[in-house]
Amino acid sequence: MWGRPTADATGHEVLELPAADDGLELPDDPLGSGDALRQVVARPDGFAAALGAGR
C-alpha cells in the first residue's frame, strides 16, 4: 500500500499526483490529465540526464 512517509524514506525522487486515478487521469479534467501525463513522461528524461551527468 502506498505511503508517502515510506516513499520519502527511500531518498528517491517521488512524483505524486494525488488527484489522479490509477490510470493517471483526473476525473472531468482532460487538460489536467494531459498535464499529469506530461509530468510522468518527462521524469525518465530527467533521470537519464542525471545518469549521464555522473560520467
Protein backbone atom coordinates (compact mmCIF):
# COMPACT_ATOMS: atom_id res chain seq x y z
CA MET A 1 0.00 0.00 0.00
CA TRP A 2 1.21 3.49 -0.86
CA GLY A 3 2.57 5.59 1.98
CA ARG A 4 4.27 8.93 1.43
CA PRO A 5 6.48 8.62 4.54
CA THR A 6 7.79 5.28 3.28
CA ALA A 7 8.45 6.71 -0.18
CA ASP A 8 10.26 9.71 1.30
CA ALA A 9 12.40 7.44 3.48
CA THR A 10 13.89 5.80 0.37
CA GLY A 11 15.67 9.01 -0.54
CA HIS A 12 14.49 8.69 -4.14
CA GLU A 13 12.60 11.32 -6.07
CA VAL A 14 8.86 10.65 -5.97
CA LEU A 15 6.18 12.01 -8.27
CA GLU A 16 2.81 12.00 -6.56
CA LEU A 17 -0.36 13.02 -8.38
CA PRO A 18 -2.89 12.95 -5.54
CA ALA A 19 -5.93 13.89 -7.63
CA ALA A 20 -5.18 11.30 -10.34
CA ASP A 21 -6.81 7.88 -10.51
CA ASP A 22 -4.98 4.60 -11.20
CA GLY A 23 -4.93 5.46 -14.91
CA LEU A 24 -3.21 8.76 -14.10
CA GLU A 25 -6.31 10.64 -15.23
CA LEU A 26 -8.03 13.47 -13.42
CA PRO A 27 -11.80 12.94 -13.44
CA ASP A 28 -13.63 15.50 -15.62
CA ASP A 29 -10.38 17.37 -16.33
CA PRO A 30 -8.87 16.40 -19.70
CA LEU A 31 -6.40 19.30 -19.70
CA GLY A 32 -5.23 18.43 -16.20
CA SER A 33 -4.91 14.79 -17.25
CA GLY A 34 -2.71 15.89 -20.14
CA ASP A 35 -0.53 17.90 -17.77
CA ALA A 36 -0.23 14.91 -15.43
CA LEU A 37 0.83 12.70 -18.33
CA ARG A 38 3.36 15.32 -19.39
CA GLN A 39 4.91 15.21 -15.89
CA VAL A 40 5.10 11.41 -15.94
CA VAL A 41 6.70 11.30 -19.40
CA ALA A 42 9.27 13.99 -18.50
CA ARG A 43 10.60 12.08 -15.49
CA PRO A 44 12.60 9.43 -17.40
CA ASP A 45 14.33 12.19 -19.39
CA GLY A 46 15.44 13.86 -16.17
CA PHE A 47 16.56 10.52 -14.75
CA ALA A 48 18.60 9.70 -17.87
CA ALA A 49 20.17 13.16 -17.88
CA ALA A 50 21.17 12.75 -14.24
CA LEU A 51 22.81 9.40 -15.04
CA GLY A 52 24.73 10.97 -17.91
CA ALA A 53 25.91 13.84 -15.69
CA GLY A 54 27.68 11.36 -13.43
CA ARG A 55 30.08 10.24 -16.17
